[in-house]
């Protein structure tokens, strides 16, 4: 997702960065990476494949994934061999486990074949003129594999393999999968394109899935864009405390232990002007019931029904449909991929906010490629705080 940003061209030597740990986060650096001499033994390789499908109405389990040894790729003309550094696991991947994803822009994972998704890696051998050994790269459809061949441009979605400029992330390359990547773009463009947040309007902004990858950013961005009362809905007291004390939310609601409708009345006395919907279901129905005339729903995700055989977006009760019409509340599906012309400007803004400390980023790391399936299942159950990332290797 993250194109090389022209405003911060990568003119610095990769060898100036190091790999270290800071504040619990893995800081990816860039020592010089050399191609393997032909005489040396090829390193081992490992991948994670889909074993079986859970079925459209069942929860995914770790048994649906399997880590196995595989061959080391041989590079041919026009190809790039990359070492995987970080893998992303996201709720939207759940549809990839079905025979039919229900959407036109991604294809389902196939049993016996490696799963794929967003990832960051480093080029260790290139037979392509646009990429050099040591380049940091991103791809939306990167195999869950330690070493992979990627042909630039092979993915129609988002242009295939793209270079990353480490200076944009302060050397923290995992941000390319989250706050300064597709997740951050979803949050900022969802708010700007569908949220109608207006500085000085004293608006109330509510977000569900508020401690997740997208929700934790959306609440903060809404504040930066001008909303004055930020309310997050999440699933634990620890997450509620994080929202209030670290991320600057005014209020946090624990949907597992509190009455969401009553708490929304308490925390949103002027009603709700914008609702960033990450979950759907009863939580969203409670939020919509308290929205103001002419307010706006940002329909981002519906994780509460991802394990059910329903169309996307899923149907809503007639009473909710009537309320939307009666109050002239907009509720349109939001797909960030429809706004590619706004990616570069938005990524620069996100990176600036992160560097200035205005946008705080939370990440949950799982170590080792063999744990990728486990990380996905855990994320679907809400075990993560912020973005769930699998750390596969250092450069």
Protein backbone atom coordinates (compact mmCIF):
# COMPACT_ATOMS: atom_id res chain seq x y z
CA UNK A 1 0.00 0.00 0.00
CA UNK A 2 2.75 2.34 0.92
CA UNK A 3 4.16 3.93 -2.24
CA UNK A 4 7.51 5.67 -2.08
CA UNK A 5 6.66 9.20 -1.07
CA UNK A 6 8.21 11.78 -3.33
CA UNK A 7 8.51 14.39 -0.62
CA UNK A 8 10.96 12.21 1.32
CA UNK A 9 13.02 10.45 -1.32
CA UNK A 10 15.21 7.61 -0.13
CA UNK A 11 18.66 9.10 -0.65
CA UNK A 12 20.15 7.84 2.60
CA UNK A 13 22.33 4.75 2.88
CA UNK A 14 20.52 1.78 4.37
CA UNK A 15 23.61 1.01 6.42
CA UNK A 16 23.00 4.07 8.60
CA UNK A 17 20.12 2.32 10.39
CA UNK A 18 20.37 -0.38 13.01
CA UNK A 19 18.03 -2.95 14.45
CA UNK A 20 17.15 -2.43 18.08
CA UNK A 21 14.31 -2.61 20.57
CA UNK A 22 12.71 0.51 22.01
CA UNK A 23 9.68 0.83 24.29
CA UNK A 24 8.64 -2.72 23.54
CA UNK A 25 8.53 -2.18 19.79
CA UNK A 26 10.73 -3.81 17.21
CA UNK A 27 12.59 -1.10 15.34
CA UNK A 28 13.54 -2.45 11.96
CA UNK A 29 16.82 -1.22 10.64
CA UNK A 30 18.83 -1.73 7.58
CA UNK A 31 22.20 -3.33 7.69
CA UNK A 32 23.54 -4.07 4.22
CA UNK A 33 21.99 -7.28 2.90
CA UNK A 34 24.10 -9.29 0.48
CA UNK A 35 23.00 -11.91 -2.03
CA UNK A 36 24.09 -15.45 -1.26
CA UNK A 37 27.13 -16.59 -3.26
CA UNK A 38 26.25 -19.47 -5.58
CA UNK A 39 28.68 -21.75 -3.75
CA UNK A 40 26.92 -21.42 -0.40
CA UNK A 41 24.19 -23.77 0.77
CA UNK A 42 20.73 -22.30 0.31
CA UNK A 43 19.08 -21.41 3.60
CA UNK A 44 16.02 -23.26 4.78
CA UNK A 45 12.60 -21.84 4.03
CA UNK A 46 9.26 -22.13 5.81
CA UNK A 47 5.69 -21.19 4.93
CA UNK A 48 2.20 -21.27 6.45
CA UNK A 49 -0.54 -22.91 4.38
CA UNK A 50 -4.29 -23.15 4.71
CA UNK A 51 -5.14 -26.72 5.72
CA UNK A 52 -8.92 -26.49 5.52
CA UNK A 53 -11.75 -23.99 5.45
CA UNK A 54 -13.74 -23.39 8.64
CA UNK A 55 -16.98 -22.93 6.74
CA UNK A 56 -18.76 -19.62 6.34
CA UNK A 57 -20.58 -19.87 9.69
CA UNK A 58 -17.74 -21.04 11.95
CA UNK A 59 -14.86 -19.39 13.75
CA UNK A 60 -11.33 -19.92 12.41
CA UNK A 61 -9.06 -22.11 14.53
CA UNK A 62 -5.32 -22.68 14.61
CA UNK A 63 -5.88 -26.17 13.14
CA UNK A 64 -6.90 -24.53 9.87
CA UNK A 65 -3.27 -23.45 9.39
CA UNK A 66 -0.04 -25.41 9.20
CA UNK A 67 3.61 -24.34 9.10
CA UNK A 68 5.83 -26.45 6.87
CA UNK A 69 9.24 -26.45 5.24
CA UNK A 70 9.40 -25.50 1.57
CA UNK A 71 11.91 -24.95 -1.17
CA UNK A 72 14.16 -21.92 -1.40
CA UNK A 73 13.18 -19.80 -4.43
CA UNK A 74 15.37 -19.49 -7.51
CA UNK A 75 15.38 -16.00 -9.00
CA UNK A 76 14.77 -15.48 -12.71
CA UNK A 77 14.78 -12.39 -14.91
CA UNK A 78 12.16 -9.84 -13.94
CA UNK A 79 11.78 -11.26 -10.44
CA UNK A 80 12.71 -10.13 -6.95
CA UNK A 81 13.66 -12.41 -4.04
CA UNK A 82 12.69 -10.90 -0.70
CA UNK A 83 13.14 -11.86 2.92
CA UNK A 84 9.99 -11.39 4.98
CA UNK A 85 10.35 -9.10 8.00
CA UNK A 86 6.78 -8.41 9.13
CA UNK A 87 3.42 -9.96 8.23
CA UNK A 88 0.03 -8.33 8.80
CA UNK A 89 -3.04 -10.20 10.03
CA UNK A 90 -6.36 -8.38 9.65
CA UNK A 91 -10.08 -9.06 10.22
CA UNK A 92 -10.83 -8.68 6.51
CA UNK A 93 -8.77 -11.84 5.89
CA UNK A 94 -11.59 -13.94 7.33
CA UNK A 95 -13.43 -13.87 4.00
CA UNK A 96 -10.30 -15.29 2.30
CA UNK A 97 -10.89 -18.55 4.17
CA UNK A 98 -14.21 -19.07 2.37
CA UNK A 99 -14.62 -20.53 -1.10
CA UNK A 100 -16.19 -17.23 -2.14
CA UNK A 101 -14.75 -14.05 -0.60
CA UNK A 102 -17.91 -12.09 -1.40
CA UNK A 103 -15.87 -9.20 -2.82
CA UNK A 104 -14.36 -8.60 -6.23
CA UNK A 105 -10.93 -7.32 -5.28
CA UNK A 106 -9.43 -10.35 -3.46
CA UNK A 107 -9.35 -14.09 -4.20
CA UNK A 108 -9.78 -16.85 -1.60
CA UNK A 109 -6.89 -18.73 -0.06
CA UNK A 110 -6.54 -22.25 -1.41
CA UNK A 111 -6.05 -25.35 0.80
CA UNK A 112 -2.48 -26.63 0.58
CA UNK A 113 -1.19 -23.27 -0.61
CA UNK A 114 0.42 -20.47 1.41
CA UNK A 115 -1.88 -17.80 2.75
CA UNK A 116 -1.04 -14.22 1.84
CA UNK A 117 -1.58 -10.65 2.95
CA UNK A 118 0.17 -7.38 3.58
CA UNK A 119 3.86 -7.67 4.45
CA UNK A 120 7.15 -5.82 4.64
CA UNK A 121 10.43 -7.34 3.54
CA UNK A 122 13.90 -6.63 2.25
CA UNK A 123 15.24 -7.49 -1.20
CA UNK A 124 18.10 -10.00 -1.00
CA UNK A 125 18.41 -10.70 -4.74
CA UNK A 126 16.96 -8.81 -7.69
CA UNK A 127 16.75 -9.52 -11.40
CA UNK A 128 14.56 -6.46 -11.92
CA UNK A 129 15.93 -3.05 -12.87
CA UNK A 130 13.65 -1.15 -10.48
CA UNK A 131 14.78 -2.97 -7.33
CA UNK A 132 18.18 -3.40 -5.72
CA UNK A 133 19.53 -5.61 -2.97
CA UNK A 134 18.80 -3.93 0.36
CA UNK A 135 15.60 -2.17 -0.77
CA UNK A 136 12.77 -2.31 1.72
CA UNK A 137 9.51 -3.32 0.05
CA UNK A 138 5.81 -3.83 0.70
CA UNK A 139 3.18 -5.92 -1.06
CA UNK A 140 -0.54 -6.34 -0.39
CA UNK A 141 -0.51 -10.03 -1.41
CA UNK A 142 2.73 -11.32 0.11
CA UNK A 143 2.89 -15.09 0.85
CA UNK A 144 3.16 -16.19 4.47
CA UNK A 145 6.66 -17.45 3.75
CA UNK A 146 10.15 -16.60 5.01
CA UNK A 147 11.65 -16.10 1.53
CA UNK A 148 9.44 -15.31 -1.44
CA UNK A 149 9.68 -14.47 -5.10
CA UNK A 150 7.71 -11.40 -6.00
CA UNK A 151 7.39 -10.15 -9.55
CA UNK A 152 6.85 -6.37 -9.46
CA UNK A 153 3.45 -5.46 -10.83
CA UNK A 154 2.09 -9.02 -10.59
CA UNK A 155 -0.68 -7.88 -8.26
CA UNK A 156 -3.31 -5.70 -9.90
CA UNK A 157 -4.31 -4.44 -6.47
CA UNK A 158 -2.27 -1.42 -5.44
CA UNK A 159 0.40 -2.03 -8.02
CA UNK A 160 2.17 -5.07 -6.61
CA UNK A 161 5.60 -4.70 -5.00
CA UNK A 162 6.47 -1.18 -3.82
CA UNK A 163 9.57 0.35 -2.31
CA UNK A 164 9.46 1.78 1.18
CA UNK A 165 11.39 4.79 2.41
CA UNK A 166 12.57 3.97 5.98
CA UNK A 167 12.74 7.69 6.82
CA UNK A 168 8.96 7.90 6.49
CA UNK A 169 8.59 5.43 9.37
CA UNK A 170 11.47 6.57 11.53
CA UNK A 171 13.03 3.17 10.89
CA UNK A 172 9.97 1.43 12.40
CA UNK A 173 8.98 -0.52 9.31
CA UNK A 174 6.04 -2.31 10.92
CA UNK A 175 4.18 1.01 10.67
CA UNK A 176 3.88 0.36 6.94
CA UNK A 177 1.35 -2.34 7.85
CA UNK A 178 -0.65 -0.12 10.19
CA UNK A 179 -0.62 3.55 11.09
CA UNK A 180 1.35 4.65 8.03
CA UNK A 181 -0.15 2.04 5.73
CA UNK A 182 -3.51 0.66 4.69
CA UNK A 183 -4.92 0.77 8.23
CA UNK A 184 -4.02 4.41 8.72
CA UNK A 185 -5.35 5.27 5.28
CA UNK A 186 -8.65 3.59 6.15
CA UNK A 187 -8.96 5.66 9.31
CA UNK A 188 -8.02 9.06 7.90
CA UNK A 189 -9.82 8.75 4.56
CA UNK A 190 -12.90 7.21 6.17
CA UNK A 191 -13.17 10.23 8.44
CA UNK A 192 -12.38 12.78 5.73
CA UNK A 193 -14.53 11.26 3.00
CA UNK A 194 -17.51 9.95 4.99
CA UNK A 195 -17.33 11.40 8.50
CA UNK A 196 -17.96 15.11 7.85
CA UNK A 197 -15.98 16.13 10.93
CA UNK A 198 -15.94 19.93 11.08
CA UNK A 199 -13.57 21.97 13.29
CA UNK A 200 -15.45 24.22 15.69
CA UNK A 201 -18.74 22.32 15.36
CA UNK A 202 -18.45 20.71 18.83
CA UNK A 203 -19.13 17.26 17.39
CA UNK A 204 -19.30 13.90 19.13
CA UNK A 205 -17.44 11.03 17.48
CA UNK A 206 -18.01 7.39 18.49
CA UNK A 207 -15.92 4.46 17.29
CA UNK A 208 -16.46 0.73 17.89
CA UNK A 209 -13.56 -1.70 17.94
CA UNK A 210 -11.82 1.29 19.46
CA UNK A 211 -8.72 -0.50 20.77
CA UNK A 212 -8.06 -2.30 17.50
CA UNK A 213 -5.73 -1.37 14.66
CA UNK A 214 -8.10 0.99 12.87
CA UNK A 215 -10.31 2.13 15.75
CA UNK A 216 -7.43 3.24 17.95
CA UNK A 217 -6.23 5.51 15.13
CA UNK A 218 -9.70 6.72 14.11
CA UNK A 219 -10.51 8.20 17.51
CA UNK A 220 -7.25 10.11 17.62
CA UNK A 221 -7.57 11.32 14.03
CA UNK A 222 -11.12 12.51 14.67
CA UNK A 223 -9.73 14.70 17.47
CA UNK A 224 -7.00 16.03 15.20
CA UNK A 225 -9.61 16.79 12.55
CA UNK A 226 -11.77 18.79 14.97
CA UNK A 227 -14.17 16.54 16.89
CA UNK A 228 -14.41 17.46 20.59
CA UNK A 229 -16.03 14.47 22.32
CA UNK A 230 -14.39 11.13 21.47
CA UNK A 231 -16.04 7.94 22.73
CA UNK A 232 -14.60 4.46 22.18
CA UNK A 233 -16.35 1.10 22.56
CA UNK A 234 -14.13 -1.92 23.27
CA UNK A 235 -14.10 -5.25 25.11
CA UNK A 236 -12.06 -4.98 28.33
CA UNK A 237 -11.24 -2.67 31.20
CA UNK A 238 -7.57 -2.70 30.23
CA UNK A 239 -8.48 -1.45 26.77
CA UNK A 240 -10.82 1.18 28.21
CA UNK A 241 -8.02 2.47 30.40
CA UNK A 242 -5.67 2.59 27.42
CA UNK A 243 -8.14 4.64 25.39
CA UNK A 244 -8.67 7.19 28.13
CA UNK A 245 -5.18 7.47 29.60
CA UNK A 246 -2.89 6.95 26.62
CA UNK A 247 -4.83 7.70 23.45
CA UNK A 248 -6.80 10.73 24.64
CA UNK A 249 -10.37 9.43 24.34
CA UNK A 250 -12.85 11.30 26.50
CA UNK A 251 -14.84 8.18 27.36
CA UNK A 252 -14.54 4.42 26.92
CA UNK A 253 -17.33 1.83 27.12
CA UNK A 254 -16.77 -1.86 27.88
CA UNK A 255 -19.46 -3.64 25.88
CA UNK A 256 -18.88 -6.90 27.78
CA UNK A 257 -19.73 -5.48 31.21
CA UNK A 258 -21.71 -2.30 30.55
CA UNK A 259 -25.04 -1.42 28.96
CA UNK A 260 -23.89 0.23 25.74
CA UNK A 261 -27.12 2.14 25.14
CA UNK A 262 -27.17 3.61 28.64
CA UNK A 263 -23.49 4.50 28.57
CA UNK A 264 -23.86 6.20 25.20
CA UNK A 265 -26.64 8.35 26.64
CA UNK A 266 -24.32 9.33 29.50
CA UNK A 267 -21.23 10.02 27.40
CA UNK A 268 -22.98 11.58 24.39
CA UNK A 269 -25.51 14.00 25.91
CA UNK A 270 -25.72 15.98 22.66
CA UNK A 271 -26.20 12.84 20.58
CA UNK A 272 -23.75 11.30 18.10
CA UNK A 273 -22.61 13.19 15.01
CA UNK A 274 -20.25 10.60 13.50
CA UNK A 275 -20.07 6.87 14.14
CA UNK A 276 -17.05 4.91 12.86
CA UNK A 277 -18.45 1.39 12.58
CA UNK A 278 -15.92 -1.44 12.84
CA UNK A 279 -18.16 -4.14 14.30
CA UNK A 280 -21.81 -4.01 13.20
CA UNK A 281 -24.43 -5.98 15.10
CA UNK A 282 -26.11 -4.88 18.31
CA UNK A 283 -23.38 -2.42 19.26
CA UNK A 284 -23.87 -0.50 16.03
CA UNK A 285 -27.63 -0.59 16.38
CA UNK A 286 -27.29 0.99 19.83
CA UNK A 287 -25.06 3.73 18.44
CA UNK A 288 -27.30 4.51 15.46
CA UNK A 289 -30.30 4.80 17.80
CA UNK A 290 -28.65 7.84 19.41
CA UNK A 291 -27.39 9.59 16.29
CA UNK A 292 -28.42 13.13 15.45
CA UNK A 293 -30.38 14.43 12.48
CA UNK A 294 -28.12 14.58 9.42
CA UNK A 295 -25.32 12.59 11.10
CA UNK A 296 -22.99 10.10 9.44
CA UNK A 297 -22.02 6.43 9.79
CA UNK A 298 -18.60 5.44 8.43
CA UNK A 299 -19.22 1.82 7.44
CA UNK A 300 -15.71 0.42 7.74
CA UNK A 301 -16.00 -3.13 9.08
CA UNK A 302 -18.47 -5.64 10.53
CA UNK A 303 -16.29 -8.04 12.50
CA UNK A 304 -19.20 -9.23 14.65
CA UNK A 305 -20.65 -11.06 11.63
CA UNK A 306 -17.49 -12.13 9.77
CA UNK A 307 -18.06 -15.71 10.95
CA UNK A 308 -21.57 -15.78 9.53
CA UNK A 309 -22.70 -16.52 5.97
CA UNK A 310 -24.03 -13.04 5.21
CA UNK A 311 -23.48 -10.58 2.34
CA UNK A 312 -21.34 -7.52 2.94
CA UNK A 313 -22.46 -5.16 4.20
CA UNK A 314 -24.85 -7.41 6.15
CA UNK A 315 -28.56 -6.61 6.36
CA UNK A 316 -29.78 -4.49 9.27
CA UNK A 317 -33.13 -4.60 11.11
CA UNK A 318 -35.99 -2.69 9.51
CA UNK A 319 -36.28 -0.43 12.55
CA UNK A 320 -32.69 0.72 12.00
CA UNK A 321 -33.32 1.26 8.29
CA UNK A 322 -36.36 3.37 9.14
CA UNK A 323 -34.37 5.42 11.64
CA UNK A 324 -31.64 6.13 9.10
CA UNK A 325 -34.24 7.40 6.67
CA UNK A 326 -36.21 9.36 9.26
CA UNK A 327 -33.14 11.20 10.57
CA UNK A 328 -31.42 11.48 7.18
CA UNK A 329 -28.38 9.62 8.49
CA UNK A 330 -25.87 8.63 5.82
CA UNK A 331 -24.59 5.04 6.00
CA UNK A 332 -22.55 4.25 2.92
CA UNK A 333 -20.02 1.50 2.48
CA UNK A 334 -16.47 2.81 2.68
CA UNK A 335 -13.66 1.12 0.74
CA UNK A 336 -10.27 2.81 1.03
CA UNK A 337 -9.10 1.32 -2.29
CA UNK A 338 -11.48 3.71 -4.06
CA UNK A 339 -9.25 6.68 -3.18
CA UNK A 340 -5.74 5.86 -4.52
CA UNK A 341 -5.17 9.44 -5.66
CA UNK A 342 -5.27 10.51 -2.00
CA UNK A 343 -2.87 7.91 -0.64
CA UNK A 344 0.39 9.86 -0.93
CA UNK A 345 -0.87 13.04 0.72
CA UNK A 346 -2.57 11.06 3.47
CA UNK A 347 0.49 8.92 4.20
CA UNK A 348 2.64 12.02 4.55
CA UNK A 349 0.12 13.46 7.01
CA UNK A 350 -0.05 10.22 9.02
CA UNK A 351 3.75 9.97 9.18
CA UNK A 352 3.99 13.60 10.31
CA UNK A 353 1.47 13.05 13.11
CA UNK A 354 3.33 9.94 14.28
CA UNK A 355 6.70 11.70 14.23
CA UNK A 356 5.27 14.66 16.14
CA UNK A 357 3.73 12.39 18.77
CA UNK A 358 0.21 13.53 17.91
CA UNK A 359 -0.83 10.07 16.70
CA UNK A 360 0.12 7.33 19.15
CA UNK A 361 0.52 3.86 17.71
CA UNK A 362 -0.14 0.60 19.51
CA UNK A 363 1.11 -2.71 18.13
CA UNK A 364 0.91 -6.30 19.36
CA UNK A 365 3.76 -8.49 18.12
CA UNK A 366 3.81 -12.26 17.69
CA UNK A 367 7.22 -13.84 17.09
CA UNK A 368 7.91 -16.31 14.30
CA UNK A 369 6.29 -17.15 10.98
CA UNK A 370 5.02 -20.48 12.37
CA UNK A 371 2.79 -18.43 14.71
CA UNK A 372 1.03 -16.49 11.93
CA UNK A 373 -2.12 -18.62 11.94
CA UNK A 374 -2.27 -18.40 15.72
CA UNK A 375 -1.86 -14.61 15.52
CA UNK A 376 -4.77 -14.37 13.07
CA UNK A 377 -7.08 -16.47 15.23
CA UNK A 378 -6.08 -14.51 18.34
CA UNK A 379 -6.71 -11.19 16.59
CA UNK A 380 -10.18 -12.32 15.50
CA UNK A 381 -10.97 -12.95 19.19
CA UNK A 382 -9.83 -9.46 20.20
CA UNK A 383 -6.58 -10.40 21.93
CA UNK A 384 -4.64 -7.62 20.26
CA UNK A 385 -4.21 -4.00 21.29
CA UNK A 386 -3.71 -1.87 18.20
CA UNK A 387 -2.25 -3.57 15.14
CA UNK A 388 -1.46 -7.27 15.26
CA UNK A 389 1.88 -7.91 13.53
CA UNK A 390 3.94 -11.07 13.09
CA UNK A 391 7.66 -10.41 13.38
CA UNK A 392 9.29 -12.94 11.07
CA UNK A 393 12.92 -11.77 10.94
CA UNK A 394 15.29 -8.86 11.28
CA UNK A 395 16.90 -7.51 8.09
